[in-house]
Amino acid sequence: LTHYRLGKNLPGSGNFVLCSLSALKLNTTAHIPKMTPPIIAVLDFQFPGFEYHPPAGDQTCFGYLQRCRVRIQRWGSQFLASRASPRLSCPCQTLFHHPSFPQQTHNRRPQSTQATRLPPLSDFLEPSQSEPTPSIPPEPESLPSPPPSAALSSAKLAALHARLSLPPRFPLQTLARTLIHQSADPNPAFNNSSLSQLGTNLLGYYTAEHLMCHYPRLPMSVLFAAQAAYVGPQALAQICKEWGVESVAEPGGEVDPGLLQFRSIPAGASLPSTSQGAKTGRPNAERSHWNTSTTSKIIYDDQFGSPQPPPTPSTSSPNRHELQPPVPLETASASFIRALIGATYLHCGAPTTHRFYTSHFLSRHLSLPSLFDFRIPTRDLSRLCAREGFEPPVARLESETGRKSRHPVFVVGVYSGADKLGEGTGASLNEARVRASAAALKSWYLYRPLEVCVPSAVEVGMGQGGGKGKWRPNLVDLGEVIT
């Protein structure tokens, strides 16, 4: 017996066999092992760098898919869609029936080490099965305003949020949106135009109910002036400055989201026209020499009694994304405050918004007596006494000093019967009488009830004890004296 290795030209597989010398002369015996096809599967969740690479000559169905990595979920959707077929078919079954696929005439694997060239898989897949193209985010420099994701990493924005004591449920992304004026970003989905409109109505509502319920006899001219002093553009710009809000020189996507962004008016340019001759929506607006009544101001003007253009459907037009003209800093600051009030109402509710308004707006001192300006107070006082059924007012000299000197002082009191209505001082008797009549009118118009219930107190969470408040009617006066 001897060990003998079968050669390449002899039948066999090249394994070692044990035989005798006589057997080599008569016949050749070899043991051919049974060949089993490899089981290969390429999955989508393979680790990067460890993908499966088939050996040369591997032309199996799943071995070919290692270059395109077809998703398993797509296979599952194809399997579920083909319910009519009683048998699930492989997604790559069509590869073997494609005309460009090399057909095999025998069932044995070729022993050649050279791989057969296969057509690309894109020829067999439908266009809907192709891989989606990943979206590339735009550069910040190409955006008109910072993206909302940048608000989470802004130190200025976090400091402003803490400085204003905003609730934790107020998101930083919304606070960043309130700082973007529509002149910087015309897209209403990213600027503060909608929030500013809501905040304007809320500020006007809270201010009007406070003044009309606490001072029910205020004239309309004084009510307009008081509202402008509390929530007017100049007052809001001053509040914005006190809060420490800084503005940018030029808006863009790369700036800090914690800065007020708007397109400012260039140096030397004229401010937007706010003349009385502008279109206000009232009839005969071009006749500027006509007197404008108080009723006309209530109907056609804004909450401050100032002319405003009529509402236009620009917000619903297709050109709502057009770039707005530059605005002054005062307008941009006012829009931020109004948008902040509107966003607080949406995220935190009415009670939190009213407390925020009371802390930052009603806490400011406003001298209402300084807002009155009477032309002829003696005549107004006489008309008032006649309307209320009082006795006609009479001026009486209370005291005087230095009548013959260079600087005399007279003290005059105005009486209605035995009741003293007002008192005033002046360098002459007529001046003292006029000031006494003005003081009597102010004491009438500035009357303040002891118990006041504002309409917003009826809302949930704003009543006494944190519950729903109970409405108590307030005083409704006849109004100012018309002369």
Protein backbone atom coordinates (compact mmCIF):
# COMPACT_ATOMS: atom_id res chain seq x y z
CA LEU A 1 0.00 0.00 0.00
CA THR A 2 1.19 3.44 -0.70
CA HIS A 3 -0.15 6.96 -0.58
CA TYR A 4 -0.79 8.45 -3.97
CA ARG A 5 -2.23 11.87 -4.96
CA LEU A 6 -4.46 11.82 -7.98
CA GLY A 7 -3.35 14.20 -10.70
CA LYS A 8 -5.33 16.88 -12.45
CA ASN A 9 -5.94 14.82 -15.57
CA LEU A 10 -7.16 11.78 -13.68
CA PRO A 11 -10.79 11.43 -12.68
CA GLY A 12 -11.45 12.54 -9.14
CA SER A 13 -11.51 15.57 -6.96
CA GLY A 14 -7.86 15.69 -5.93
CA ASN A 15 -8.28 14.15 -2.45
CA PHE A 16 -5.90 11.68 -0.90
CA VAL A 17 -6.96 8.07 -1.31
CA LEU A 18 -5.49 4.82 0.00
CA CYS A 19 -5.01 2.09 -2.62
CA SER A 20 -2.58 -0.69 -3.66
CA LEU A 21 -0.15 -0.82 -6.55
CA SER A 22 -2.30 -3.39 -8.33
CA ALA A 23 -5.31 -1.17 -8.11
CA LEU A 24 -3.38 1.66 -9.77
CA LYS A 25 -2.68 -0.54 -12.72
CA LEU A 26 -6.17 -1.97 -13.14
CA ASN A 27 -8.47 0.93 -12.20
CA THR A 28 -8.49 4.14 -10.29
CA THR A 29 -10.70 4.70 -7.26
CA ALA A 30 -11.55 8.13 -5.89
CA HIS A 31 -14.03 9.48 -3.33
CA ILE A 32 -15.93 12.50 -4.66
CA PRO A 33 -17.54 14.45 -1.78
CA LYS A 34 -21.15 15.59 -2.07
CA MET A 35 -21.43 19.30 -3.09
CA THR A 36 -24.02 21.44 -1.28
CA PRO A 37 -24.84 25.00 -2.46
CA PRO A 38 -23.93 27.73 0.04
CA ILE A 39 -26.72 29.49 1.89
CA ILE A 40 -26.04 33.20 1.56
CA ALA A 41 -28.23 36.13 2.65
CA VAL A 42 -27.41 39.83 2.57
CA LEU A 43 -29.25 41.85 5.22
CA ASP A 44 -29.68 45.62 5.39
CA PHE A 45 -28.48 45.98 8.98
CA GLN A 46 -24.88 44.86 8.39
CA PHE A 47 -22.25 46.86 10.20
CA PRO A 48 -20.28 49.41 8.12
CA GLY A 49 -16.98 47.92 7.02
CA PHE A 50 -18.19 44.33 7.53
CA GLU A 51 -20.47 43.94 4.52
CA TYR A 52 -20.70 40.56 2.87
CA HIS A 53 -18.50 40.10 -0.22
CA PRO A 54 -19.25 36.87 -2.17
CA PRO A 55 -16.40 34.80 -3.58
CA ALA A 56 -15.48 34.95 -7.21
CA GLY A 57 -17.96 33.14 -9.37
CA ASP A 58 -20.84 33.46 -6.92
CA GLN A 59 -23.90 34.02 -9.10
CA THR A 60 -26.61 33.22 -6.60
CA CYS A 61 -29.63 35.45 -6.27
CA PHE A 62 -28.87 36.87 -2.81
CA GLY A 63 -25.17 37.09 -3.42
CA TYR A 64 -25.72 39.54 -6.25
CA LEU A 65 -27.73 41.92 -4.04
CA GLN A 66 -24.77 42.82 -1.84
CA ARG A 67 -23.96 45.78 -4.10
CA CYS A 68 -27.39 47.43 -3.98
CA ARG A 69 -28.61 46.51 -0.46
CA VAL A 70 -32.31 46.29 -1.18
CA ARG A 71 -34.27 47.14 1.95
CA ILE A 72 -36.07 44.35 3.79
CA GLN A 73 -39.11 46.59 4.38
CA ARG A 74 -39.52 47.00 0.63
CA TRP A 75 -39.48 43.24 0.24
CA GLY A 76 -42.16 42.91 2.88
CA SER A 77 -44.40 45.44 1.14
CA GLN A 78 -44.01 43.51 -2.12
CA PHE A 79 -44.85 40.24 -0.37
CA LEU A 80 -47.99 41.65 1.20
CA ALA A 81 -49.11 43.25 -2.06
CA SER A 82 -49.01 39.97 -3.99
CA ARG A 83 -51.83 38.18 -2.14
CA ALA A 84 -53.12 36.50 -5.30
CA SER A 85 -49.98 34.39 -5.50
CA PRO A 86 -50.22 31.38 -3.18
CA ARG A 87 -46.46 31.35 -2.86
CA LEU A 88 -44.05 34.09 -1.94
CA SER A 89 -41.52 34.76 -4.64
CA CYS A 90 -38.08 36.21 -4.32
CA PRO A 91 -37.82 39.90 -5.35
CA CYS A 92 -34.90 39.02 -7.57
CA GLN A 93 -36.60 36.14 -9.33
CA THR A 94 -36.92 38.26 -12.46
CA LEU A 95 -33.13 38.44 -12.71
CA PHE A 96 -32.96 34.94 -14.15
CA HIS A 97 -35.65 35.66 -16.75
CA HIS A 98 -34.23 38.96 -17.97
CA PRO A 99 -32.82 38.81 -21.53
CA SER A 100 -29.52 40.34 -20.47
CA PHE A 101 -28.97 37.77 -17.72
CA PRO A 102 -26.61 34.91 -18.77
CA GLN A 103 -28.60 31.67 -18.92
CA GLN A 104 -27.08 28.47 -17.51
CA THR A 105 -27.49 25.27 -19.52
CA HIS A 106 -26.54 22.91 -16.66
CA ASN A 107 -27.14 22.72 -12.92
CA ARG A 108 -23.47 22.44 -11.89
CA ARG A 109 -21.56 25.51 -10.70
CA PRO A 110 -18.71 26.42 -13.06
CA GLN A 111 -15.28 25.66 -11.68
CA SER A 112 -13.77 28.72 -13.25
CA THR A 113 -12.59 31.41 -10.84
CA GLN A 114 -13.67 34.24 -13.19
CA ALA A 115 -16.94 35.98 -12.18
CA THR A 116 -19.63 36.43 -14.81
CA ARG A 117 -20.46 40.07 -15.58
CA LEU A 118 -24.05 40.88 -14.54
CA PRO A 119 -26.27 43.79 -15.60
CA PRO A 120 -26.91 46.54 -13.04
CA LEU A 121 -29.84 46.05 -10.71
CA SER A 122 -31.39 49.41 -11.75
CA ASP A 123 -32.48 47.70 -14.98
CA PHE A 124 -34.71 45.31 -13.00
CA LEU A 125 -36.14 47.64 -10.35
CA GLU A 126 -39.08 49.96 -10.87
CA PRO A 127 -38.56 53.73 -10.58
CA SER A 128 -40.64 53.79 -7.39
CA GLN A 129 -38.22 51.31 -5.77
CA SER A 130 -35.15 53.41 -6.27
CA GLU A 131 -33.39 54.85 -3.25
CA PRO A 132 -34.63 58.36 -2.29
CA THR A 133 -32.14 61.13 -2.72
CA PRO A 134 -31.16 62.49 0.72
CA SER A 135 -32.13 66.14 1.17
CA ILE A 136 -29.24 68.45 1.86
CA PRO A 137 -30.06 71.23 4.36
CA PRO A 138 -29.47 74.73 3.00
CA GLU A 139 -26.63 76.86 4.20
CA PRO A 140 -27.51 79.36 6.98
CA GLU A 141 -26.15 82.22 4.87
CA SER A 142 -28.80 81.54 2.23
CA LEU A 143 -31.73 81.83 4.66
CA PRO A 144 -33.44 85.17 5.43
CA SER A 145 -33.68 84.30 9.15
CA PRO A 146 -32.05 81.76 11.49
CA PRO A 147 -33.52 78.24 11.39
CA PRO A 148 -35.66 77.19 14.38
CA SER A 149 -33.09 74.58 15.40
CA ALA A 150 -30.55 77.32 16.14
CA ALA A 151 -32.72 78.64 18.99
CA LEU A 152 -31.71 75.77 21.27
CA SER A 153 -28.04 76.80 21.20
CA SER A 154 -28.47 80.58 21.62
CA ALA A 155 -27.24 82.00 24.92
CA LYS A 156 -28.92 85.37 24.29
CA LEU A 157 -32.27 83.70 23.75
CA ALA A 158 -31.99 81.63 26.92
CA ALA A 159 -31.01 84.73 28.90
CA LEU A 160 -34.01 86.65 27.56
CA HIS A 161 -36.30 83.75 28.42
CA ALA A 162 -35.03 83.75 32.00
CA ARG A 163 -35.03 87.55 32.27
CA LEU A 164 -38.71 87.78 31.40
CA SER A 165 -39.58 84.89 33.79
CA LEU A 166 -41.41 83.04 31.02
CA PRO A 167 -42.91 79.64 31.94
CA PRO A 168 -40.87 76.53 31.07
CA ARG A 169 -43.54 75.41 28.60
CA PHE A 170 -42.85 78.49 26.49
CA PRO A 171 -40.46 77.08 23.82
CA LEU A 172 -37.31 78.85 22.75
CA GLN A 173 -38.21 78.31 19.09
CA THR A 174 -41.35 80.43 19.50
CA LEU A 175 -39.40 83.12 21.36
CA ALA A 176 -36.95 83.23 18.46
CA ARG A 177 -39.85 83.60 16.01
CA THR A 178 -41.23 86.61 17.90
CA LEU A 179 -37.92 88.41 17.23
CA ILE A 180 -38.22 88.09 13.41
CA HIS A 181 -40.04 91.00 11.77
CA GLN A 182 -41.78 90.46 8.45
CA SER A 183 -39.37 92.90 6.78
CA ALA A 184 -36.53 90.42 7.50
CA ASP A 185 -38.37 87.22 6.51
CA PRO A 186 -41.56 87.63 4.42
CA ASN A 187 -42.64 84.03 5.01
CA PRO A 188 -45.55 84.15 7.53
CA ALA A 189 -44.58 80.69 8.81
CA PHE A 190 -41.30 82.07 10.19
CA ASN A 191 -41.96 85.74 11.05
CA ASN A 192 -44.03 87.24 13.86
CA SER A 193 -46.81 88.82 11.78
CA SER A 194 -49.59 86.45 12.90
CA LEU A 195 -48.46 86.46 16.54
CA SER A 196 -48.18 90.25 16.47
CA GLN A 197 -51.76 90.59 15.22
CA LEU A 198 -53.02 88.42 18.07
CA GLY A 199 -50.91 90.31 20.60
CA THR A 200 -52.23 93.66 19.35
CA ASN A 201 -55.80 92.59 20.01
CA LEU A 202 -54.92 91.19 23.45
CA LEU A 203 -53.05 94.32 24.53
CA GLY A 204 -55.90 96.52 23.34
CA TYR A 205 -58.45 94.33 25.10
CA TYR A 206 -56.63 94.23 28.45
CA THR A 207 -55.85 97.94 28.40
CA ALA A 208 -59.36 99.01 27.39
CA GLU A 209 -61.07 96.89 30.03
CA HIS A 210 -58.73 98.19 32.73
CA LEU A 211 -59.33 101.84 31.85
CA MET A 212 -63.07 101.61 31.17
CA CYS A 213 -63.84 99.54 34.29
CA HIS A 214 -61.65 101.49 36.69
CA TYR A 215 -62.40 104.92 35.16
CA PRO A 216 -65.89 104.65 33.61
CA ARG A 217 -66.23 108.40 32.98
CA LEU A 218 -63.10 108.96 30.91
CA PRO A 219 -63.61 110.94 27.67
CA MET A 220 -62.71 109.15 24.47
CA SER A 221 -59.80 111.47 23.72
CA VAL A 222 -58.27 110.70 27.12
CA LEU A 223 -58.96 106.98 26.65
CA PHE A 224 -57.08 107.01 23.33
CA ALA A 225 -54.15 108.84 24.93
CA ALA A 226 -54.05 106.46 27.91
CA GLN A 227 -54.02 103.39 25.65
CA ALA A 228 -51.18 104.88 23.63
CA ALA A 229 -49.28 105.60 26.86
CA TYR A 230 -49.62 101.99 28.02
CA VAL A 231 -49.30 99.93 24.82
CA GLY A 232 -48.52 102.43 22.07
CA PRO A 233 -45.57 101.97 19.67
CA GLN A 234 -43.34 104.37 21.61
CA ALA A 235 -44.18 102.75 24.95
CA LEU A 236 -43.53 99.26 23.57
CA ALA A 237 -40.22 100.35 22.07
CA GLN A 238 -39.17 101.73 25.45
CA ILE A 239 -40.16 98.48 27.19
CA CYS A 240 -38.22 96.47 24.61
CA LYS A 241 -35.16 98.59 25.30
CA GLU A 242 -35.54 98.11 29.05
CA TRP A 243 -35.71 94.34 28.55
CA GLY A 244 -32.27 94.44 26.96
CA VAL A 245 -33.26 93.26 23.48
CA GLU A 246 -30.58 94.09 20.92
CA SER A 247 -31.07 94.43 17.18
CA VAL A 248 -28.97 93.27 14.25
CA ALA A 249 -27.39 95.47 11.62
CA GLU A 250 -28.54 93.18 8.80
CA PRO A 251 -30.79 90.09 9.16
CA GLY A 252 -29.73 86.68 7.90
CA GLY A 253 -29.68 83.00 8.69
CA GLU A 254 -26.24 83.10 10.29
CA VAL A 255 -26.99 85.68 13.01
CA ASP A 256 -27.84 84.89 16.62
CA PRO A 257 -31.56 84.03 17.08
CA GLY A 258 -31.63 86.12 20.28
CA LEU A 259 -31.36 89.41 18.36
CA LEU A 260 -34.21 91.49 16.97
CA GLN A 261 -34.11 91.04 13.19
CA PHE A 262 -35.57 93.55 10.77
CA ARG A 263 -34.52 95.58 7.75
CA SER A 264 -33.80 99.06 9.05
CA ILE A 265 -34.31 102.25 7.11
CA PRO A 266 -31.03 103.57 5.64
CA ALA A 267 -29.54 106.73 7.05
CA GLY A 268 -30.97 109.83 5.43
CA ALA A 269 -34.08 108.10 4.09
CA SER A 270 -37.54 109.45 4.87
CA LEU A 271 -39.84 107.71 7.31
CA PRO A 272 -43.08 106.07 6.14
CA SER A 273 -45.83 108.61 5.58
CA THR A 274 -48.52 108.80 8.28
CA SER A 275 -50.25 111.96 7.10
CA GLN A 276 -53.95 112.58 7.51
CA GLY A 277 -54.44 112.58 3.75
CA ALA A 278 -53.63 108.89 3.49
CA LYS A 279 -56.41 106.43 2.71
CA THR A 280 -58.09 105.41 5.93
CA GLY A 281 -61.26 103.74 4.65
CA ARG A 282 -63.62 106.49 5.86
CA PRO A 283 -65.78 108.32 3.31
CA ASN A 284 -64.53 111.68 2.05
CA ALA A 285 -61.04 110.96 3.37
CA GLU A 286 -59.50 113.18 0.70
CA ARG A 287 -61.20 116.24 2.25
CA SER A 288 -58.59 116.84 4.91
CA HIS A 289 -60.09 120.19 5.92
CA TRP A 290 -63.20 118.48 7.31
CA ASN A 291 -63.35 117.92 11.05
CA THR A 292 -63.01 114.30 12.22
CA SER A 293 -65.53 113.43 14.90
CA THR A 294 -64.96 111.11 17.84
CA THR A 295 -67.43 108.61 16.44
CA SER A 296 -65.51 108.49 13.16
CA LYS A 297 -62.29 107.77 15.07
CA ILE A 298 -63.95 104.92 16.95
CA ILE A 299 -65.20 103.28 13.73
CA TYR A 300 -62.38 103.88 11.24
CA ASP A 301 -59.21 104.51 13.29
CA ASP A 302 -57.11 102.18 15.41
CA GLN A 303 -57.26 101.71 19.17
CA PHE A 304 -55.21 104.87 19.69
CA GLY A 305 -57.42 107.08 17.53
CA SER A 306 -54.77 107.35 14.81
CA PRO A 307 -55.59 106.96 11.09
CA GLN A 308 -54.86 103.53 9.68
CA PRO A 309 -55.18 102.12 6.16
CA PRO A 310 -58.17 99.87 5.46
CA PRO A 311 -57.62 96.12 5.72
CA THR A 312 -56.47 94.53 2.49
CA PRO A 313 -56.47 90.86 1.46
CA SER A 314 -52.68 90.85 1.22
CA THR A 315 -52.37 88.07 3.75
CA SER A 316 -54.41 85.74 1.55
CA SER A 317 -52.93 86.76 -1.78
CA PRO A 318 -50.27 84.69 -3.55
CA ASN A 319 -47.77 87.55 -3.17
CA ARG A 320 -47.74 87.42 0.62
CA HIS A 321 -44.10 86.23 0.52
CA GLU A 322 -42.90 89.44 -1.09
CA LEU A 323 -40.21 91.33 0.78
CA GLN A 324 -41.61 94.13 2.95
CA PRO A 325 -40.12 97.65 2.95
CA PRO A 326 -37.69 98.64 5.72
CA VAL A 327 -39.15 99.83 9.00
CA PRO A 328 -37.77 101.91 11.90
CA LEU A 329 -36.56 100.32 15.13
CA GLU A 330 -39.66 101.49 16.98
CA THR A 331 -41.96 99.50 14.71
CA ALA A 332 -39.87 96.32 14.93
CA SER A 333 -39.64 96.57 18.73
CA ALA A 334 -43.39 97.03 19.05
CA SER A 335 -44.04 94.01 16.83
CA PHE A 336 -41.80 91.87 19.06
CA ILE A 337 -43.67 92.84 22.24
CA ARG A 338 -47.04 92.18 20.62
CA ALA A 339 -45.90 88.85 19.21
CA LEU A 340 -44.59 87.83 22.63
CA ILE A 341 -48.00 88.52 24.19
CA GLY A 342 -49.71 86.51 21.45
CA ALA A 343 -47.30 83.57 21.84
CA THR A 344 -47.72 83.59 25.63
CA TYR A 345 -51.49 83.41 25.18
CA LEU A 346 -51.19 80.42 22.83
CA HIS A 347 -48.67 78.43 24.87
CA CYS A 348 -49.55 79.37 28.46
CA GLY A 349 -53.19 80.45 28.41
CA ALA A 350 -55.15 83.58 29.37
CA PRO A 351 -54.35 83.67 33.15
CA THR A 352 -50.59 83.60 32.59
CA THR A 353 -50.87 86.21 29.83
CA HIS A 354 -52.89 88.55 32.04
CA ARG A 355 -50.40 88.21 34.89
CA PHE A 356 -47.55 88.93 32.50
CA TYR A 357 -49.41 92.00 31.20
CA THR A 358 -50.11 93.25 34.72
CA SER A 359 -46.47 92.82 35.78
CA HIS A 360 -44.90 94.55 32.79
CA PHE A 361 -47.49 97.11 31.64
CA LEU A 362 -49.99 98.07 34.34
CA SER A 363 -47.19 98.32 36.89
CA ARG A 364 -45.90 101.41 35.07
CA HIS A 365 -47.09 104.71 36.53
CA LEU A 366 -49.29 106.83 34.30
CA SER A 367 -50.53 110.27 35.38
CA LEU A 368 -54.04 110.39 33.95
CA PRO A 369 -54.77 114.00 35.10
CA SER A 370 -51.96 115.24 32.83
CA LEU A 371 -53.76 113.81 29.78
CA PHE A 372 -56.70 116.22 30.03
CA ASP A 373 -56.75 119.35 27.91
CA PHE A 374 -59.85 121.52 28.30
CA ARG A 375 -60.39 124.46 26.00
CA ILE A 376 -63.11 126.22 27.96
CA PRO A 377 -63.46 124.38 31.28
CA THR A 378 -65.94 126.88 32.73
CA ARG A 379 -68.41 126.20 29.92
CA ASP A 380 -67.94 122.42 30.16
CA LEU A 381 -68.57 122.52 33.91
CA SER A 382 -71.79 124.52 33.43
CA ARG A 383 -73.05 122.00 30.84
CA LEU A 384 -72.17 119.11 33.11
CA CYS A 385 -74.04 120.56 36.07
CA ALA A 386 -77.07 121.22 33.88
CA ARG A 387 -77.06 117.64 32.54
CA GLU A 388 -76.75 116.05 35.98
CA GLY A 389 -79.33 118.32 37.58
CA PHE A 390 -76.90 120.15 39.86
CA GLU A 391 -77.10 123.80 40.76
CA PRO A 392 -75.11 126.14 38.47
CA PRO A 393 -71.44 126.41 39.48
CA VAL A 394 -70.33 129.52 41.34
CA ALA A 395 -66.69 130.65 41.79
CA ARG A 396 -65.77 132.02 45.22
CA LEU A 397 -62.52 133.54 46.41
CA GLU A 398 -61.03 131.41 49.16
CA SER A 399 -57.89 133.39 49.94
CA GLU A 400 -55.36 135.71 48.42
CA THR A 401 -51.92 137.13 49.07
CA GLY A 402 -49.94 139.99 47.54
CA ARG A 403 -52.76 141.61 45.55
CA LYS A 404 -50.74 144.81 45.20
CA SER A 405 -47.40 143.02 44.80
CA ARG A 406 -45.59 141.82 41.66
CA HIS A 407 -46.53 138.15 42.15
CA PRO A 408 -50.01 137.87 43.66
CA VAL A 409 -51.60 134.48 44.40
CA PHE A 410 -55.36 133.88 44.43
CA VAL A 411 -57.15 130.72 45.62
CA VAL A 412 -60.62 130.25 44.08
CA GLY A 413 -63.14 127.50 44.77
CA VAL A 414 -66.05 126.41 42.55
CA TYR A 415 -69.28 125.53 44.37
CA SER A 416 -72.55 123.98 43.32
CA GLY A 417 -74.87 125.06 46.08
CA ALA A 418 -73.17 124.03 49.31
CA ASP A 419 -70.96 121.41 47.63
CA LYS A 420 -67.42 122.33 46.67
CA LEU A 421 -66.55 120.93 43.24
CA GLY A 422 -62.94 122.08 42.81
CA GLU A 423 -60.24 124.51 43.80
CA GLY A 424 -57.50 126.29 41.87
CA THR A 425 -54.74 128.86 42.27
CA GLY A 426 -53.45 131.49 39.87
CA ALA A 427 -51.79 134.84 39.46
CA SER A 428 -55.18 136.39 38.65
CA LEU A 429 -58.77 135.78 39.62
CA ASN A 430 -59.69 134.59 36.11
CA GLU A 431 -56.77 132.12 36.00
CA ALA A 432 -57.69 130.73 39.39
CA ARG A 433 -61.34 130.34 38.35
CA VAL A 434 -60.38 128.46 35.17
CA ARG A 435 -58.07 126.14 37.07
CA ALA A 436 -60.75 125.49 39.68
CA SER A 437 -63.24 124.56 36.94
CA ALA A 438 -60.66 122.20 35.32
CA ALA A 439 -60.02 120.56 38.70
CA ALA A 440 -63.77 120.02 39.14
CA LEU A 441 -64.02 118.38 35.73
CA LYS A 442 -61.04 116.11 36.45
CA SER A 443 -62.53 115.01 39.75
CA TRP A 444 -65.71 114.04 37.88
CA TYR A 445 -64.05 112.21 35.00
CA LEU A 446 -61.47 110.41 37.18
CA TYR A 447 -64.08 108.85 39.42
CA ARG A 448 -63.06 105.30 40.36
CA PRO A 449 -65.46 102.70 41.85
CA LEU A 450 -64.44 100.78 44.95
CA GLU A 451 -65.31 97.31 43.57
CA VAL A 452 -64.31 96.57 40.00
CA CYS A 453 -64.80 93.37 38.00
CA VAL A 454 -63.10 93.26 34.62
CA PRO A 455 -64.47 90.93 31.90
CA SER A 456 -61.29 88.85 31.79
CA ALA A 457 -61.84 87.90 35.45
CA VAL A 458 -64.70 85.66 34.36
CA GLU A 459 -62.28 83.40 32.50
CA VAL A 460 -61.11 80.18 34.08
CA GLY A 461 -58.33 80.55 36.63
CA MET A 462 -58.60 84.32 37.07
CA GLY A 463 -61.29 84.49 39.73
CA GLN A 464 -60.78 84.60 43.45
CA GLY A 465 -59.20 81.44 44.79
CA GLY A 466 -58.03 80.37 41.34
CA GLY A 467 -61.53 79.35 40.23
CA LYS A 468 -63.97 80.82 37.77
CA GLY A 469 -64.81 84.41 38.64
CA LYS A 470 -68.36 85.67 39.05
CA TRP A 471 -69.36 88.65 36.97
CA ARG A 472 -70.45 91.80 38.77
CA PRO A 473 -71.84 94.63 36.63
CA ASN A 474 -69.84 97.84 36.53
CA LEU A 475 -70.91 101.46 36.34
CA VAL A 476 -71.88 102.67 32.86
CA ASP A 477 -71.77 106.46 32.64
CA LEU A 478 -73.60 108.70 30.22
CA GLY A 479 -70.31 109.81 28.67
CA GLU A 480 -68.45 113.03 28.29
CA VAL A 481 -70.04 116.43 27.98
CA ILE A 482 -70.54 117.55 24.39
CA THR A 483 -70.31 121.28 23.83
